Amino acid sequence: MKTKLIALFVISTFLVSCNTTRPTDVKKSDTQKITSIKYGNIISSMPVKIKGEGSVIGATAGGLIGGLLGTQVCGEKETAGTKCQDIAIVYGTIGGATIGYVTEALLGNHDGYQYIIDIDNNSEDVAIVQGNKTLLENGGRVVIIYGDTIRVLPYTE
């Protein structure tokens, strides 16, 4: 039973934290919307490490699983006037929430690039960080798609 709960915790935390910032991945909520676009040229690019972030979802999943694991500890014994199992549930929930939050953050770490882009017909340049393994070349022509998220994609005329 404990092995199954631990496996469930690891799998659910992994699935919750498998988000991506790849420019070719589009969320369903971003479909069938009007977005604005701009064109430009990449002035410079630099590799960056994108740090994952924990969320309420990871903490909640971890807390639920930790609490369930706490129910499997020490049964009806009493410690300091309280059932040992009740204490284990509280500590399991707190520990599980912490582990879920941290695990989600660690699994979200990935590589990306920061691009400085000269926007056509605009006196100001923009800097955009994007998670991607494929580098867009300096001097390359790009299209910037503005929506709930911003995506930079290569553009050929």
Protein backbone atom coordinates (compact mmCIF):
# COMPACT_ATOMS: atom_id res chain seq x y z
CA MET A 1 0.00 0.00 0.00
CA LYS A 2 2.74 2.48 0.93
CA THR A 3 4.68 1.74 -2.26
CA LYS A 4 1.59 2.42 -4.36
CA LEU A 5 0.97 5.75 -2.62
CA ILE A 6 4.58 6.83 -3.06
CA ALA A 7 4.47 5.86 -6.74
CA LEU A 8 1.20 7.78 -7.14
CA PHE A 9 2.80 10.84 -5.50
CA VAL A 10 5.84 10.77 -7.79
CA ILE A 11 3.78 10.24 -10.95
CA SER A 12 1.21 12.92 -10.14
CA THR A 13 3.86 15.46 -9.20
CA PHE A 14 5.75 14.72 -12.43
CA LEU A 15 2.64 15.09 -14.58
CA VAL A 16 1.58 18.31 -12.87
CA SER A 17 4.98 19.87 -13.42
CA CYS A 18 5.44 18.88 -17.04
CA ASN A 19 4.73 22.27 -18.48
CA THR A 20 6.65 23.70 -21.34
CA THR A 21 7.50 27.03 -22.89
CA ARG A 22 8.23 25.67 -26.37
CA PRO A 23 7.00 28.18 -28.92
CA THR A 24 5.31 25.55 -31.08
CA ASP A 25 3.09 24.31 -28.21
CA VAL A 26 -0.19 26.18 -28.01
CA LYS A 27 -2.75 25.84 -25.21
CA LYS A 28 -6.34 25.14 -26.20
CA SER A 29 -7.37 28.42 -24.54
CA ASP A 30 -5.11 30.25 -27.03
CA THR A 31 -6.91 28.84 -30.07
CA GLN A 32 -9.47 30.73 -32.13
CA LYS A 33 -8.44 34.10 -30.72
CA ILE A 34 -7.26 37.20 -32.48
CA THR A 35 -3.67 37.94 -31.54
CA SER A 36 -1.38 40.67 -32.69
CA ILE A 37 1.88 40.06 -34.49
CA LYS A 38 5.01 42.04 -35.19
CA TYR A 39 7.97 41.32 -37.39
CA GLY A 40 11.60 41.94 -36.66
CA ASN A 41 15.19 40.73 -36.75
CA ILE A 42 17.15 39.12 -33.94
CA ILE A 43 19.97 41.40 -32.81
CA SER A 44 21.42 39.00 -30.25
CA SER A 45 20.65 35.76 -28.48
CA MET A 46 21.94 34.30 -25.26
CA PRO A 47 21.36 30.88 -23.67
CA VAL A 48 19.58 31.02 -20.30
CA LYS A 49 18.48 28.54 -17.62
CA ILE A 50 14.76 28.80 -17.01
CA LYS A 51 13.93 27.93 -13.42
CA GLY A 52 10.76 25.98 -12.72
CA GLU A 53 8.26 27.27 -10.22
CA GLY A 54 6.20 25.38 -7.70
CA SER A 55 2.48 26.02 -7.55
CA VAL A 56 -0.57 25.39 -5.45
CA ILE A 57 -1.33 22.35 -7.60
CA GLY A 58 1.97 20.63 -6.76
CA ALA A 59 1.64 21.50 -3.07
CA THR A 60 -1.96 20.28 -2.96
CA ALA A 61 -1.16 17.00 -4.69
CA GLY A 62 1.81 16.44 -2.38
CA GLY A 63 -0.25 17.35 0.70
CA LEU A 64 -3.02 14.92 -0.22
CA ILE A 65 -0.63 12.09 -0.81
CA GLY A 66 1.36 12.91 2.36
CA GLY A 67 -1.85 12.93 4.39
CA LEU A 68 -2.86 9.56 2.93
CA LEU A 69 0.54 8.16 3.84
CA GLY A 70 0.08 9.53 7.36
CA THR A 71 -3.01 7.36 7.82
CA GLN A 72 -0.79 4.29 7.50
CA VAL A 73 1.38 5.22 10.51
CA CYS A 74 1.13 3.83 14.08
CA GLY A 75 -2.62 3.14 14.33
CA GLU A 76 -4.43 3.86 17.59
CA LYS A 77 -1.38 4.49 19.84
CA GLU A 78 -1.48 7.76 21.77
CA THR A 79 1.34 10.30 21.98
CA ALA A 80 0.92 13.33 24.25
CA GLY A 81 -2.81 12.70 24.55
CA THR A 82 -3.40 12.54 20.79
CA LYS A 83 -3.63 9.56 18.49
CA CYS A 84 -0.26 9.00 16.85
CA GLN A 85 -2.02 8.58 13.51
CA ASP A 86 -3.53 12.09 13.72
CA ILE A 87 -0.10 13.58 14.31
CA ALA A 88 1.31 11.56 11.39
CA ILE A 89 -1.46 12.84 9.10
CA VAL A 90 -0.67 16.47 9.97
CA TYR A 91 3.07 16.06 9.51
CA GLY A 92 2.56 13.92 6.38
CA THR A 93 0.35 16.62 4.85
CA ILE A 94 2.82 19.42 5.61
CA GLY A 95 5.82 17.39 4.42
CA GLY A 96 4.00 16.17 1.31
CA ALA A 97 2.95 19.70 0.38
CA THR A 98 6.53 20.90 0.72
CA ILE A 99 7.91 18.00 -1.30
CA GLY A 100 5.23 18.46 -4.00
CA TYR A 101 5.98 22.17 -4.34
CA VAL A 102 9.76 21.70 -4.52
CA THR A 103 9.55 18.70 -6.86
CA GLU A 104 7.34 20.62 -9.27
CA ALA A 105 9.82 23.50 -9.28
CA LEU A 106 12.82 21.21 -9.88
CA LEU A 107 11.12 19.29 -12.68
CA GLY A 108 10.22 22.57 -14.40
CA ASN A 109 13.87 23.61 -14.90
CA HIS A 110 14.90 23.72 -18.56
CA ASP A 111 17.04 25.54 -21.09
CA GLY A 112 16.02 28.44 -23.27
CA TYR A 113 17.22 31.59 -24.98
CA GLN A 114 16.86 35.31 -24.43
CA TYR A 115 16.44 37.19 -27.68
CA ILE A 116 16.91 40.91 -28.29
CA ILE A 117 14.76 41.77 -31.29
CA ASP A 118 14.72 44.89 -33.47
CA ILE A 119 11.03 45.41 -34.23
CA ASP A 120 10.17 46.72 -37.70
CA ASN A 121 8.92 50.33 -37.78
CA ASN A 122 9.61 50.80 -34.07
CA SER A 123 12.42 52.71 -32.39
CA GLU A 124 12.52 50.39 -29.36
CA ASP A 125 13.89 46.86 -29.23
CA VAL A 126 12.32 44.08 -27.15
CA ALA A 127 13.83 41.29 -25.07
CA ILE A 128 11.99 37.97 -24.94
CA VAL A 129 12.95 34.80 -23.06
CA GLN A 130 11.69 31.61 -24.64
CA GLY A 131 12.17 27.97 -23.67
CA ASN A 132 13.42 26.12 -26.68
CA LYS A 133 16.30 23.86 -27.64
CA THR A 134 16.59 25.29 -31.14
CA LEU A 135 18.46 28.58 -31.33
CA LEU A 136 17.09 31.25 -33.64
CA GLU A 137 20.11 32.73 -35.40
CA ASN A 138 21.31 36.32 -34.91
CA GLY A 139 20.17 38.45 -37.84
CA GLY A 140 17.35 36.02 -38.56
CA ARG A 141 13.91 37.27 -39.48
CA VAL A 142 11.21 36.43 -36.91
CA VAL A 143 7.53 36.92 -36.24
CA ILE A 144 6.47 37.73 -32.68
CA ILE A 145 3.00 36.51 -31.79
CA TYR A 146 1.37 38.34 -28.86
CA GLY A 147 -1.42 36.62 -26.93
CA ASP A 148 -1.70 35.28 -23.38
CA THR A 149 1.89 34.22 -23.96
CA ILE A 150 4.42 35.63 -26.40
CA ARG A 151 6.02 33.37 -29.00
CA VAL A 152 8.94 34.05 -31.31
CA LEU A 153 9.06 31.96 -34.49
CA PRO A 154 11.30 32.05 -37.54
CA TYR A 155 9.76 33.87 -40.48
CA THR A 156 10.46 33.45 -44.16
CA GLU A 157 8.79 35.59 -46.81
